[in-house]
Amino acid sequence: MKKYTLILVLILSSLINAQVALPFDFEDGENPFTSNNSVGTVIEDPTDASNKVLQVEGQSGTWDNIIAYLELNVNLSDNNNNTITFRIKPINGTGSGNHLLKFEGEADTGPNQELAFTTTGTDWQDISLDFPSSLGNYSDLVIFTDANSAATDVYLIDDIAGATNSSPPVDEAPTVAAPSPPERNSWDVISLFSDVYTDITDTEWSATWDDSDISDLEIVGDNVKKVQFVNFLGVILSDYYDLTNFTYLHIDVWTATATANKSFIHKFSNHAASAGETSAIQFVTNNASTPVLPESNPGNWMSYDIPFSSFTAAAANGVIDREAIKEFIITSDLGIVYLDNIYVYRDATASLDTHNLFNISLSPSPALNDLKISAQEIIDDIIIYNLLGKKVFKTNINKKEEVIDISNLNSGIYILKYTINKAVGTIKFIKE
């Protein structure tokens, strides 16, 4: 029995040690770090073949780093036990450099914490970093080699230890599905994410330039997106979408985080003529906004219908155009958030067809190859969109009547937007 007990203890011990958690001595040959431009590999110490160490090679980026996603958080809350120690050896380059050790992913969405350190010469050096008091629990450990420098030096690192390990907080999640959106005409909705409407395709969730993590989950048969906010999440649309004639943004939000003094910022980035951001609009949902982020978290799904008329300019130029929306950015300090039913829509009482005001006519209906547009006044230009808001045709007319070739359009319903005397109207037509 003693023999089996010893084996069981050894197995349990190996399982505990296999967790990605401090201390790191690299003797098992495993590398707990993920490369983020810098390249990290575990090798034998060139000066002591019996010792394994982490070798980190910079890749000329200004902020090259390696990151360890910890399974047990590092607790820096105890001022008597919040010092991180390790050994480092520069093995090429100048032998002198500036570096950073950083903790990210604080359990209560607190700020990241980092301390700088330097190396001199090419011998093994002992580093001790004493973090400030009253910090929190962190899930990510990041090491920047040659911080704010394009140097490609190589370093050996060993024996990273200190502070206290603690279990990450239990992730609370919704237990009911988000409210189901109402039925709407397909041409009245552009959906980024919803089980009810048809989503625009090839949307890039979590752009390379944002700093938040996102994953797809199913809650009671309902697809949702879980976001771990650091600061902001970037969503890149597959094309440029004209939201000029849409009246509301809808989004459903659930979080277990206390919502007092928190905010949720919705931003649309306009990229006119594919020239990058030329203007942007945003709405800040907080404890004082309308609609409001409640001061006391209700513990259920919060549904928002935000009028575009309430959005304000988010760029320095003060422009609030939204005829070529390419990006949707959410900024929040709520930590873990669940999202569903993200779409823009037209008020059901607002008709798409405003052609009667301008005596516009389209023929034939349905149209196969040619579409004739006519009016009693000069038509400046027209733009045709599909039902997902994607621009598929544009031309200047500058006369009262024109026949346009639509033979290359797929069969379906389209929206024609026209300008007459600086007034804008829209009208639907069907392509056979």
Protein backbone atom coordinates (compact mmCIF):
# COMPACT_ATOMS: atom_id res chain seq x y z
CA MET A 1 0.00 0.00 0.00
CA LYS A 2 2.81 2.39 0.80
CA LYS A 3 4.27 1.86 -2.66
CA TYR A 4 0.95 2.73 -4.36
CA THR A 5 0.45 5.72 -2.08
CA LEU A 6 3.88 7.05 -3.05
CA ILE A 7 3.09 6.60 -6.75
CA LEU A 8 -0.22 8.44 -6.29
CA VAL A 9 1.52 11.30 -4.50
CA LEU A 10 4.09 11.55 -7.29
CA ILE A 11 1.35 11.59 -9.94
CA LEU A 12 -0.60 14.32 -8.12
CA SER A 13 2.61 16.28 -7.61
CA SER A 14 3.45 16.10 -11.31
CA LEU A 15 -0.06 17.25 -12.23
CA ILE A 16 0.21 20.26 -9.91
CA ASN A 17 3.66 21.12 -11.22
CA ALA A 18 2.39 20.79 -14.79
CA GLN A 19 0.15 23.79 -14.32
CA VAL A 20 1.27 27.02 -15.92
CA ALA A 21 2.09 28.80 -12.68
CA LEU A 22 5.08 30.31 -10.89
CA PRO A 23 7.79 29.36 -10.18
CA PHE A 24 9.33 28.63 -13.59
CA ASP A 25 12.67 26.77 -13.54
CA PHE A 26 12.27 25.14 -17.00
CA GLU A 27 13.77 21.84 -15.78
CA ASP A 28 10.88 19.85 -17.30
CA GLY A 29 11.88 21.19 -20.72
CA GLU A 30 8.47 22.83 -21.21
CA ASN A 31 8.17 26.46 -22.28
CA PRO A 32 5.23 28.17 -20.52
CA PHE A 33 5.64 31.31 -22.64
CA THR A 34 4.01 32.12 -25.95
CA SER A 35 6.08 34.09 -28.42
CA ASN A 36 4.79 37.56 -29.27
CA ASN A 37 7.41 38.67 -31.83
CA SER A 38 10.20 37.59 -29.47
CA VAL A 39 11.04 33.87 -29.77
CA GLY A 40 11.36 31.82 -26.60
CA THR A 41 12.78 28.28 -26.45
CA VAL A 42 14.00 26.08 -23.60
CA ILE A 43 17.65 25.00 -23.98
CA GLU A 44 20.51 23.69 -21.89
CA ASP A 45 22.48 26.43 -20.18
CA PRO A 46 25.67 26.82 -22.29
CA THR A 47 27.63 27.28 -19.07
CA ASP A 48 25.98 24.35 -17.23
CA ALA A 49 24.59 21.52 -19.39
CA SER A 50 22.76 20.03 -16.40
CA ASN A 51 20.54 23.14 -16.14
CA LYS A 52 17.71 24.06 -18.49
CA VAL A 53 16.92 27.73 -19.11
CA LEU A 54 14.68 29.86 -21.30
CA GLN A 55 16.37 31.46 -24.31
CA VAL A 56 14.65 34.58 -25.67
CA GLU A 57 15.56 36.08 -29.04
CA GLY A 58 14.36 39.57 -29.91
CA GLN A 59 12.98 40.09 -33.44
CA SER A 60 13.69 43.80 -34.06
CA GLY A 61 10.23 44.97 -32.97
CA THR A 62 10.13 47.94 -30.60
CA TRP A 63 8.09 46.01 -28.03
CA ASP A 64 8.97 42.37 -28.68
CA ASN A 65 7.81 40.17 -25.82
CA ILE A 66 6.92 36.73 -24.59
CA ILE A 67 3.76 36.05 -22.56
CA ALA A 68 2.69 33.28 -20.17
CA TYR A 69 -1.05 32.73 -19.75
CA LEU A 70 -1.16 31.49 -16.17
CA GLU A 71 -3.53 28.79 -14.93
CA LEU A 72 -2.98 30.03 -11.37
CA ASN A 73 -3.02 33.80 -10.95
CA VAL A 74 -0.10 35.67 -9.41
CA ASN A 75 -1.33 37.45 -6.28
CA LEU A 76 0.49 40.74 -5.67
CA SER A 77 -1.87 41.98 -2.97
CA ASP A 78 0.41 41.07 -0.02
CA ASN A 79 3.05 43.76 0.40
CA ASN A 80 5.19 41.26 2.32
CA ASN A 81 5.19 38.86 -0.62
CA ASN A 82 4.99 40.76 -3.90
CA THR A 83 8.61 40.63 -5.06
CA ILE A 84 9.43 38.78 -8.29
CA THR A 85 12.95 37.39 -8.67
CA PHE A 86 14.74 35.72 -11.58
CA ARG A 87 18.12 35.36 -13.25
CA ILE A 88 19.02 36.73 -16.70
CA LYS A 89 22.10 36.48 -18.89
CA PRO A 90 22.69 38.54 -22.08
CA ILE A 91 24.64 36.36 -24.51
CA ASN A 92 25.09 38.66 -27.49
CA GLY A 93 24.60 42.25 -28.61
CA THR A 94 25.72 45.18 -26.53
CA GLY A 95 25.55 43.44 -23.18
CA SER A 96 23.49 46.35 -21.86
CA GLY A 97 19.75 46.75 -22.22
CA ASN A 98 16.46 48.03 -20.86
CA HIS A 99 13.66 45.57 -20.16
CA LEU A 100 10.17 45.28 -18.63
CA LEU A 101 8.37 42.65 -16.61
CA LYS A 102 4.61 43.16 -16.74
CA PHE A 103 1.49 41.58 -15.23
CA GLU A 104 -1.81 41.78 -17.15
CA GLY A 105 -5.34 40.43 -16.75
CA GLU A 106 -6.15 41.62 -13.22
CA ALA A 107 -9.08 39.61 -11.83
CA ASP A 108 -11.20 42.66 -10.98
CA THR A 109 -10.33 44.47 -14.24
CA GLY A 110 -7.73 46.61 -12.47
CA PRO A 111 -4.83 48.22 -14.37
CA ASN A 112 -1.81 46.33 -15.63
CA GLN A 113 1.39 46.55 -13.59
CA GLU A 114 4.95 46.69 -14.88
CA LEU A 115 8.45 47.34 -13.59
CA ALA A 116 11.56 48.11 -15.59
CA PHE A 117 14.93 46.45 -15.10
CA THR A 118 18.32 46.66 -16.80
CA THR A 119 21.16 44.32 -17.63
CA THR A 120 24.84 45.15 -17.88
CA GLY A 121 27.57 42.91 -19.26
CA THR A 122 27.10 39.30 -20.29
CA ASP A 123 27.22 37.41 -16.98
CA TRP A 124 24.27 35.89 -15.14
CA GLN A 125 22.56 38.61 -13.13
CA ASP A 126 20.05 38.36 -10.28
CA ILE A 127 17.00 40.60 -10.71
CA SER A 128 14.59 41.47 -7.90
CA LEU A 129 11.46 43.51 -8.68
CA ASP A 130 9.46 44.74 -5.71
CA PHE A 131 5.92 45.63 -6.82
CA PRO A 132 3.85 48.29 -4.99
CA SER A 133 1.38 47.38 -2.26
CA SER A 134 -2.36 46.83 -2.61
CA LEU A 135 -2.29 45.30 -6.08
CA GLY A 136 -4.44 42.38 -7.27
CA ASN A 137 -4.38 38.97 -8.96
CA TYR A 138 -3.00 38.69 -12.49
CA SER A 139 -3.45 36.01 -15.12
CA ASP A 140 -0.71 36.96 -17.62
CA LEU A 141 3.05 37.43 -17.19
CA VAL A 142 4.85 39.36 -19.95
CA ILE A 143 8.58 39.92 -20.43
CA PHE A 144 9.77 42.61 -22.87
CA THR A 145 13.33 42.18 -24.04
CA ASP A 146 15.06 45.34 -25.24
CA ALA A 147 11.96 47.39 -24.43
CA ASN A 148 11.37 50.36 -26.75
CA SER A 149 14.31 49.23 -28.89
CA ALA A 150 14.70 47.41 -32.19
CA ALA A 151 17.67 45.41 -30.88
CA THR A 152 17.73 41.67 -31.64
CA ASP A 153 19.75 40.56 -28.63
CA VAL A 154 19.50 37.08 -27.13
CA TYR A 155 18.98 36.44 -23.41
CA LEU A 156 18.87 33.44 -21.09
CA ILE A 157 16.31 33.56 -18.28
CA ASP A 158 15.89 31.17 -15.34
CA ASP A 159 14.26 30.68 -11.94
CA ILE A 160 11.31 33.10 -12.16
CA ALA A 161 9.66 33.06 -8.73
CA GLY A 162 7.87 35.11 -6.10
CA ALA A 163 4.49 36.27 -4.82
CA THR A 164 1.65 33.81 -4.17
CA ASN A 165 -0.36 31.69 -6.57
CA SER A 166 -4.14 31.87 -6.31
CA SER A 167 -7.01 30.31 -8.19
CA PRO A 168 -8.55 32.58 -10.84
CA PRO A 169 -12.00 33.94 -9.97
CA VAL A 170 -15.02 31.87 -10.92
CA ASP A 171 -16.40 33.22 -14.18
CA GLU A 172 -20.08 34.01 -13.74
CA ALA A 173 -22.11 33.65 -16.91
CA PRO A 174 -25.72 34.25 -17.96
CA THR A 175 -28.08 31.32 -17.39
CA VAL A 176 -30.78 32.51 -19.79
CA ALA A 177 -30.63 33.50 -23.43
CA ALA A 178 -30.67 37.12 -24.51
CA PRO A 179 -34.07 38.50 -25.61
CA SER A 180 -34.95 37.45 -29.14
CA PRO A 181 -35.08 40.34 -31.65
CA PRO A 182 -38.39 41.13 -33.35
CA GLU A 183 -39.14 40.29 -36.96
CA ARG A 184 -38.00 43.02 -39.34
CA ASN A 185 -37.71 43.41 -43.08
CA SER A 186 -34.32 42.16 -44.20
CA TRP A 187 -33.61 45.51 -45.86
CA ASP A 188 -34.21 47.31 -42.56
CA VAL A 189 -31.42 45.49 -40.70
CA ILE A 190 -27.64 45.16 -40.96
CA SER A 191 -26.60 42.49 -38.47
CA LEU A 192 -23.10 42.03 -37.12
CA PHE A 193 -24.08 39.16 -34.82
CA SER A 194 -27.48 37.56 -34.22
CA ASP A 195 -29.20 34.18 -34.46
CA VAL A 196 -32.33 35.82 -35.89
CA TYR A 197 -31.04 38.03 -38.72
CA THR A 198 -28.56 37.22 -41.48
CA ASP A 199 -25.12 38.43 -40.39
CA ILE A 200 -22.79 40.21 -42.78
CA THR A 201 -20.08 37.76 -43.81
CA ASP A 202 -16.33 37.69 -43.20
CA THR A 203 -16.42 40.05 -40.21
CA GLU A 204 -13.15 40.08 -38.28
CA TRP A 205 -13.93 39.91 -34.58
CA SER A 206 -11.03 41.12 -32.43
CA ALA A 207 -8.71 43.05 -34.72
CA THR A 208 -4.95 42.60 -34.43
CA TRP A 209 -4.69 46.10 -32.97
CA ASP A 210 -7.13 45.63 -30.07
CA ASP A 211 -6.16 44.35 -26.61
CA SER A 212 -9.17 42.24 -25.59
CA ASP A 213 -9.94 38.52 -25.90
CA ILE A 214 -13.14 37.15 -27.46
CA SER A 215 -14.66 33.68 -27.73
CA ASP A 216 -17.89 32.18 -29.06
CA LEU A 217 -20.14 30.34 -26.59
CA GLU A 218 -23.62 28.85 -26.46
CA ILE A 219 -25.94 29.86 -23.61
CA VAL A 220 -29.17 27.84 -23.42
CA GLY A 221 -29.04 27.18 -27.15
CA ASP A 222 -28.25 30.82 -27.96
CA ASN A 223 -24.94 31.82 -29.56
CA VAL A 224 -23.18 34.65 -27.70
CA LYS A 225 -19.80 36.31 -27.69
CA LYS A 226 -17.77 36.45 -24.48
CA VAL A 227 -15.33 39.36 -24.30
CA GLN A 228 -12.56 39.80 -21.72
CA PHE A 229 -11.97 43.53 -21.95
CA VAL A 230 -8.60 45.03 -21.19
CA ASN A 231 -9.47 48.32 -22.88
CA PHE A 232 -11.19 47.89 -26.23
CA LEU A 233 -12.39 45.37 -28.83
CA GLY A 234 -12.11 46.08 -32.55
CA VAL A 235 -14.49 44.61 -35.16
CA ILE A 236 -13.54 45.01 -38.82
CA LEU A 237 -16.38 44.74 -41.34
CA SER A 238 -15.85 42.93 -44.62
CA ASP A 239 -16.81 45.99 -46.66
CA TYR A 240 -17.87 49.64 -46.32
CA TYR A 241 -21.46 50.03 -45.11
CA ASP A 242 -23.65 53.09 -45.49
CA LEU A 243 -25.59 53.56 -42.23
CA THR A 244 -26.93 57.00 -43.16
CA ASN A 245 -30.55 55.86 -43.39
CA PHE A 246 -30.45 53.60 -40.34
CA THR A 247 -31.84 54.96 -37.10
CA TYR A 248 -30.70 52.72 -34.21
CA LEU A 249 -27.90 50.52 -32.92
CA HIS A 250 -29.14 47.53 -30.91
CA ILE A 251 -26.94 45.49 -28.57
CA ASP A 252 -27.60 43.07 -25.69
CA VAL A 253 -25.08 43.09 -22.82
CA TRP A 254 -24.61 40.85 -19.76
CA THR A 255 -21.90 41.19 -17.12
CA ALA A 256 -21.39 40.08 -13.53
CA THR A 257 -19.20 43.12 -12.86
CA ALA A 258 -20.59 45.90 -10.67
CA THR A 259 -21.75 48.57 -13.12
CA ALA A 260 -21.52 51.64 -10.84
CA ASN A 261 -19.08 54.19 -12.31
CA LYS A 262 -18.44 51.97 -15.34
CA SER A 263 -18.98 52.64 -19.04
CA PHE A 264 -19.57 50.93 -22.37
CA ILE A 265 -18.55 52.99 -25.39
CA HIS A 266 -19.84 52.18 -28.91
CA LYS A 267 -17.86 53.67 -31.80
CA PHE A 268 -18.34 53.45 -35.58
CA SER A 269 -15.32 54.33 -37.69
CA ASN A 270 -16.05 55.89 -41.09
CA HIS A 271 -13.52 55.21 -43.87
CA ALA A 272 -14.57 57.42 -46.78
CA ALA A 273 -13.01 56.42 -50.11
CA SER A 274 -11.11 53.58 -48.41
CA ALA A 275 -8.70 56.13 -46.95
CA GLY A 276 -8.59 54.85 -43.39
CA GLU A 277 -10.57 56.55 -40.66
CA THR A 278 -11.80 59.89 -41.93
CA SER A 279 -14.37 60.45 -39.17
CA ALA A 280 -16.05 58.52 -36.37
CA ILE A 281 -19.12 58.62 -34.15
CA GLN A 282 -19.63 57.22 -30.67
CA PHE A 283 -22.11 56.85 -27.84
CA VAL A 284 -21.02 56.44 -24.22
CA THR A 285 -23.34 54.24 -22.16
CA ASN A 286 -22.83 54.98 -18.45
CA ASN A 287 -24.78 55.62 -15.24
CA ALA A 288 -25.96 59.01 -16.52
CA SER A 289 -26.67 58.29 -20.20
CA THR A 290 -29.96 57.70 -22.00
CA PRO A 291 -30.29 54.77 -22.42
CA VAL A 292 -28.58 54.14 -19.11
CA LEU A 293 -26.09 51.64 -17.73
CA PRO A 294 -27.69 51.01 -14.31
CA GLU A 295 -25.73 51.91 -11.20
CA SER A 296 -26.75 48.60 -9.65
CA ASN A 297 -26.09 45.60 -11.86
CA PRO A 298 -29.48 43.92 -12.39
CA GLY A 299 -27.87 40.53 -13.03
CA ASN A 300 -29.70 40.02 -16.32
CA TRP A 301 -29.41 40.91 -19.98
CA MET A 302 -29.43 44.67 -20.63
CA SER A 303 -30.93 45.55 -24.02
CA TYR A 304 -30.00 48.83 -25.66
CA ASP A 305 -31.56 50.62 -28.63
CA ILE A 306 -29.37 53.66 -29.14
CA PRO A 307 -30.55 56.29 -31.64
CA PHE A 308 -27.90 57.37 -34.10
CA SER A 309 -29.11 60.89 -33.40
CA SER A 310 -27.59 60.50 -29.91
CA PHE A 311 -24.13 59.62 -31.26
CA THR A 312 -21.50 62.37 -31.23
CA ALA A 313 -18.30 62.94 -33.16
CA ALA A 314 -15.48 60.71 -31.89
CA ALA A 315 -12.74 62.16 -34.08
CA ALA A 316 -10.90 65.46 -33.80
CA ASN A 317 -12.39 66.78 -37.05
CA GLY A 318 -15.89 66.75 -35.51
CA VAL A 319 -17.45 65.09 -38.58
CA ILE A 320 -20.32 62.66 -37.97
CA ASP A 321 -20.61 61.00 -41.39
CA ARG A 322 -21.53 57.32 -41.54
CA GLU A 323 -21.76 56.61 -45.24
CA ALA A 324 -18.74 54.26 -45.29
CA ILE A 325 -18.56 52.46 -41.93
CA LYS A 326 -15.71 49.96 -41.82
CA GLU A 327 -15.03 49.36 -38.10
CA PHE A 328 -17.05 48.96 -34.90
CA ILE A 329 -15.08 49.49 -31.68
CA ILE A 330 -16.28 48.79 -28.14
CA THR A 331 -14.37 50.23 -25.19
CA SER A 332 -15.22 49.18 -21.64
CA ASP A 333 -13.91 48.79 -18.10
CA LEU A 334 -16.46 46.08 -17.25
CA GLY A 335 -14.01 43.18 -17.56
CA ILE A 336 -15.83 40.04 -18.70
CA VAL A 337 -18.91 40.85 -20.81
CA TYR A 338 -21.29 38.67 -22.84
CA LEU A 339 -22.71 40.17 -26.05
CA ASP A 340 -25.57 39.22 -28.33
CA ASN A 341 -27.82 40.68 -31.04
CA ILE A 342 -25.53 43.41 -32.36
CA TYR A 343 -27.21 45.08 -35.32
CA VAL A 344 -28.34 48.41 -36.75
CA TYR A 345 -31.86 48.92 -38.00
CA ARG A 346 -34.33 51.39 -39.44
CA ASP A 347 -37.34 52.48 -37.43
CA ALA A 348 -40.29 50.45 -38.70
CA THR A 349 -42.32 53.65 -39.05
CA ALA A 350 -39.74 55.16 -41.43
CA SER A 351 -40.34 54.12 -45.02
CA LEU A 352 -37.48 53.27 -47.30
CA ASP A 353 -39.32 54.67 -50.26
CA THR A 354 -39.19 58.47 -50.18
CA HIS A 355 -39.47 58.80 -53.95
CA ASN A 356 -42.95 60.37 -53.88
CA LEU A 357 -41.42 63.56 -52.53
CA PHE A 358 -39.36 63.86 -55.71
CA ASN A 359 -41.64 62.20 -58.29
CA ILE A 360 -39.09 59.46 -58.87
CA SER A 361 -40.01 56.45 -61.00
CA LEU A 362 -38.16 53.22 -61.72
CA SER A 363 -38.99 50.86 -64.57
CA PRO A 364 -39.43 48.10 -65.38
CA SER A 365 -40.34 46.31 -62.15
CA PRO A 366 -38.89 43.81 -61.74
CA ALA A 367 -35.87 44.74 -63.87
CA LEU A 368 -33.59 42.29 -65.65
CA ASN A 369 -30.75 44.08 -67.43
CA ASP A 370 -31.67 47.78 -67.67
CA LEU A 371 -33.23 50.00 -65.02
CA LYS A 372 -34.70 53.37 -66.01
CA ILE A 373 -34.79 56.12 -63.39
CA SER A 374 -36.60 59.40 -64.04
CA ALA A 375 -37.68 62.49 -62.09
CA GLN A 376 -39.12 65.93 -62.71
CA GLU A 377 -35.88 67.50 -61.46
CA ILE A 378 -32.19 66.92 -62.17
CA ILE A 379 -30.90 63.73 -60.54
CA ASP A 380 -27.36 64.39 -59.32
CA ASP A 381 -26.20 60.84 -58.64
CA ILE A 382 -27.33 57.40 -57.52
CA ILE A 383 -25.85 54.62 -55.37
CA ILE A 384 -27.22 51.06 -55.23
CA TYR A 385 -26.89 48.90 -52.12
CA ASN A 386 -27.77 45.29 -51.46
CA LEU A 387 -29.87 44.40 -48.41
CA LEU A 388 -26.76 44.04 -46.25
CA GLY A 389 -25.86 47.67 -46.90
CA LYS A 390 -22.98 46.90 -49.26
CA LYS A 391 -22.48 49.40 -52.08
CA VAL A 392 -22.68 47.59 -55.43
CA PHE A 393 -23.06 50.46 -57.92
CA LYS A 394 -22.53 54.23 -58.14
CA THR A 395 -22.78 56.76 -60.95
CA ASN A 396 -23.27 60.47 -61.58
CA ILE A 397 -26.33 61.33 -63.72
CA ASN A 398 -26.86 65.12 -63.78
CA LYS A 399 -30.07 64.92 -65.79
CA LYS A 400 -33.73 64.05 -65.27
CA GLU A 401 -33.62 60.58 -66.76
CA GLU A 402 -31.12 57.77 -67.17
CA VAL A 403 -30.98 54.07 -68.01
CA ILE A 404 -28.42 52.10 -66.03
CA ASP A 405 -27.06 48.62 -66.67
CA ILE A 406 -27.79 46.25 -63.76
CA SER A 407 -27.13 43.00 -65.63
CA ASN A 408 -24.17 42.12 -63.40
CA LEU A 409 -26.24 42.28 -60.18
CA ASN A 410 -27.49 39.09 -58.58
CA SER A 411 -31.24 38.52 -58.38
CA GLY A 412 -32.84 40.04 -55.30
CA ILE A 413 -34.03 43.24 -53.65
CA TYR A 414 -31.85 46.37 -53.80
CA ILE A 415 -31.98 49.88 -52.40
CA LEU A 416 -31.31 52.81 -54.72
CA LYS A 417 -30.17 56.00 -53.02
CA TYR A 418 -30.32 59.21 -55.05
CA THR A 419 -29.49 62.89 -54.60
CA ILE A 420 -31.64 65.71 -56.00
CA ASN A 421 -30.83 69.34 -55.13
CA LYS A 422 -28.76 68.13 -52.15
CA ALA A 423 -31.78 66.19 -50.83
CA VAL A 424 -31.35 62.43 -50.44
CA GLY A 425 -34.01 59.77 -50.97
CA THR A 426 -34.17 55.98 -51.28
CA ILE A 427 -36.30 53.54 -53.21
CA LYS A 428 -36.42 49.73 -53.46
CA PHE A 429 -36.37 47.74 -56.66
CA ILE A 430 -36.21 44.07 -57.61
CA LYS A 431 -33.59 42.56 -59.91
CA GLU A 432 -34.72 39.40 -61.69
